[in-house]
Amino acid sequence: MSLKLESRKAANLAYIEHQGPYDKVPWEDYIKRLYGWAKEQKVMPGFYPMAIYHDDPEKTPPEKCRSEIAITFKGRAKEKAGVKIRRMPAMKVATISHKGPGSEFKNTYAKLSNWIGKKGYKTSGPPIEIYSKKPKVIGGVTILYAKVMMPVKK
């Protein structure tokens, strides 16, 4: 579980807004809609879907938690059928890999937050999770593969 700093380039983002518990996001539907939108718009979608989590589930009631399920894309496109677009700015991020059940994200985030503080950084935006593989069910537990990124500044 290596922790490191990375510089992310600015990118076009296509996303669907969601409000509600983070563990109840209709992932498959949103991802299908995003990649369908990219095909219809004739743009080149990024390979890995992501989520941006705007609220801390420890401090915000689950039904009020806001997230964006997103893909990056190259090309010109228009918003359509609930798919919005915006430019994600270039940023410095602290990253950590997560492989495990969603219930362990809390530990992953705690390790990342501690590391950010020790390195003298402060968070400067909502966390982003990039999903590198489809989840697998192992022994009845869904294992998630994600790169957790936290925007930071000195």
Protein backbone atom coordinates (compact mmCIF):
# COMPACT_ATOMS: atom_id res chain seq x y z
CA MET A 1 0.00 0.00 0.00
CA SER A 2 2.36 2.69 -1.23
CA LEU A 3 1.60 6.32 -0.58
CA LYS A 4 2.92 8.97 -2.95
CA LEU A 5 2.38 12.38 -4.50
CA GLU A 6 1.36 12.69 -8.15
CA SER A 7 0.64 15.54 -10.52
CA ARG A 8 -2.60 15.09 -12.45
CA LYS A 9 -3.10 16.84 -15.77
CA ALA A 10 -6.30 18.77 -16.46
CA ALA A 11 -8.95 16.63 -18.16
CA ASN A 12 -12.47 16.79 -19.57
CA LEU A 13 -14.90 15.07 -17.25
CA ALA A 14 -18.30 13.61 -18.09
CA TYR A 15 -20.27 12.84 -14.94
CA ILE A 16 -23.62 11.97 -13.42
CA GLU A 17 -24.53 13.57 -10.11
CA HIS A 18 -25.82 11.33 -7.34
CA GLN A 19 -27.22 12.12 -3.92
CA GLY A 20 -27.61 9.34 -1.40
CA PRO A 21 -25.59 6.71 0.46
CA TYR A 22 -22.25 6.05 -1.22
CA ASP A 23 -22.78 2.30 -1.00
CA LYS A 24 -26.09 2.57 -2.88
CA VAL A 25 -24.82 4.32 -6.05
CA PRO A 26 -26.27 2.50 -9.11
CA TRP A 27 -22.79 2.00 -10.57
CA GLU A 28 -23.53 -0.28 -13.48
CA ASP A 29 -26.34 1.96 -14.73
CA TYR A 30 -24.25 5.15 -14.47
CA ILE A 31 -21.19 3.61 -16.14
CA LYS A 32 -23.30 2.22 -18.97
CA ARG A 33 -24.91 5.65 -19.44
CA LEU A 34 -21.53 7.45 -19.43
CA TYR A 35 -19.89 5.16 -21.97
CA GLY A 36 -23.08 5.20 -24.09
CA TRP A 37 -22.99 9.02 -23.99
CA ALA A 38 -19.31 9.00 -25.08
CA LYS A 39 -20.12 6.72 -28.03
CA GLU A 40 -23.10 8.88 -29.05
CA GLN A 41 -21.01 12.08 -28.74
CA LYS A 42 -18.16 10.48 -30.74
CA VAL A 43 -15.57 11.29 -28.07
CA MET A 44 -12.73 9.08 -26.79
CA PRO A 45 -13.58 7.98 -23.22
CA GLY A 46 -10.96 7.35 -20.58
CA PHE A 47 -10.40 3.75 -19.64
CA TYR A 48 -11.05 3.90 -15.88
CA PRO A 49 -14.28 5.16 -14.32
CA MET A 50 -14.05 7.28 -11.18
CA ALA A 51 -16.09 8.77 -8.40
CA ILE A 52 -15.70 12.11 -6.65
CA TYR A 53 -17.10 12.16 -3.13
CA HIS A 54 -18.13 15.63 -1.97
CA ASP A 55 -19.29 14.84 1.57
CA ASP A 56 -17.72 13.06 4.53
CA PRO A 57 -20.06 10.16 5.38
CA GLU A 58 -18.94 10.46 9.02
CA LYS A 59 -20.35 14.00 9.18
CA THR A 60 -23.16 13.99 6.59
CA PRO A 61 -26.37 11.92 6.76
CA PRO A 62 -26.19 9.16 4.08
CA GLU A 63 -29.20 10.50 2.16
CA LYS A 64 -27.46 13.90 1.80
CA CYS A 65 -24.06 12.57 0.60
CA ARG A 66 -23.22 13.96 -2.85
CA SER A 67 -21.06 12.19 -5.42
CA GLU A 68 -20.23 12.34 -9.10
CA ILE A 69 -19.67 9.16 -11.09
CA ALA A 70 -17.41 10.11 -13.97
CA ILE A 71 -15.19 9.28 -16.91
CA THR A 72 -12.58 11.43 -18.58
CA PHE A 73 -12.87 12.02 -22.33
CA LYS A 74 -11.05 13.60 -25.26
CA GLY A 75 -12.96 15.61 -27.85
CA ARG A 76 -15.84 18.07 -27.98
CA ALA A 77 -19.18 17.08 -26.50
CA LYS A 78 -22.49 18.39 -25.20
CA GLU A 79 -24.33 17.67 -21.97
CA LYS A 80 -27.25 15.33 -22.53
CA ALA A 81 -29.68 13.06 -20.63
CA GLY A 82 -28.29 13.77 -17.15
CA VAL A 83 -24.64 13.57 -18.25
CA LYS A 84 -22.87 16.82 -17.38
CA ILE A 85 -19.41 17.93 -18.44
CA ARG A 86 -16.72 20.11 -16.88
CA ARG A 87 -12.98 20.59 -16.92
CA MET A 88 -11.15 18.92 -14.05
CA PRO A 89 -8.19 21.20 -13.25
CA ALA A 90 -4.59 20.05 -13.04
CA MET A 91 -3.79 19.22 -9.42
CA LYS A 92 -1.32 17.66 -7.05
CA VAL A 93 -2.76 14.58 -5.32
CA ALA A 94 -1.69 12.22 -2.57
CA THR A 95 -2.52 8.65 -3.59
CA ILE A 96 -2.94 5.23 -2.04
CA SER A 97 -4.15 1.95 -3.56
CA HIS A 98 -7.14 0.16 -2.07
CA LYS A 99 -7.84 -3.53 -2.60
CA GLY A 100 -10.52 -4.86 -0.30
CA PRO A 101 -14.15 -4.55 0.72
CA GLY A 102 -15.81 -1.15 0.75
CA SER A 103 -16.04 -1.42 4.53
CA GLU A 104 -12.23 -1.02 4.66
CA PHE A 105 -12.17 2.30 2.77
CA LYS A 106 -12.27 4.04 6.16
CA ASN A 107 -8.82 2.54 7.01
CA THR A 108 -7.42 3.45 3.59
CA TYR A 109 -8.59 7.05 3.97
CA ALA A 110 -7.18 7.24 7.53
CA LYS A 111 -3.74 6.09 6.31
CA LEU A 112 -3.83 8.62 3.47
CA SER A 113 -4.94 11.48 5.75
CA ASN A 114 -2.21 10.71 8.30
CA TRP A 115 0.43 10.60 5.56
CA ILE A 116 -0.76 13.93 4.09
CA GLY A 117 -0.43 15.57 7.53
CA LYS A 118 3.02 14.07 8.17
CA LYS A 119 4.26 15.40 4.83
CA GLY A 120 3.08 18.92 5.69
CA TYR A 121 0.22 19.05 3.18
CA LYS A 122 -3.44 20.03 3.54
CA THR A 123 -6.32 18.63 1.54
CA SER A 124 -7.57 21.04 -1.11
CA GLY A 125 -10.57 19.28 -2.62
CA PRO A 126 -12.86 16.25 -2.43
CA PRO A 127 -11.39 12.74 -2.68
CA ILE A 128 -11.40 10.95 -6.02
CA GLU A 129 -11.45 7.18 -6.44
CA ILE A 130 -10.35 5.70 -9.75
CA TYR A 131 -11.43 2.10 -10.26
CA SER A 132 -8.73 0.06 -11.98
CA LYS A 133 -10.60 -3.25 -12.19
CA LYS A 134 -14.15 -4.48 -11.93
CA PRO A 135 -15.05 -5.54 -8.39
CA LYS A 136 -14.74 -9.29 -7.70
CA VAL A 137 -16.79 -11.31 -5.27
CA ILE A 138 -14.48 -13.54 -3.23
CA GLY A 139 -16.03 -15.72 -0.55
CA GLY A 140 -19.22 -13.68 -0.60
CA VAL A 141 -17.33 -10.38 -0.10
CA THR A 142 -17.09 -7.78 -2.87
CA ILE A 143 -13.46 -6.75 -3.31
CA LEU A 144 -12.94 -3.26 -4.77
CA TYR A 145 -9.82 -2.15 -6.62
CA ALA A 146 -9.31 1.59 -6.44
CA LYS A 147 -6.68 4.29 -6.48
CA VAL A 148 -7.74 6.83 -3.85
CA MET A 149 -6.56 10.37 -4.60
CA MET A 150 -6.80 13.37 -2.32
CA PRO A 151 -6.05 16.81 -3.83
CA VAL A 152 -3.40 18.52 -1.67
CA LYS A 153 -1.46 21.77 -1.28
CA LYS A 154 1.32 23.00 1.03
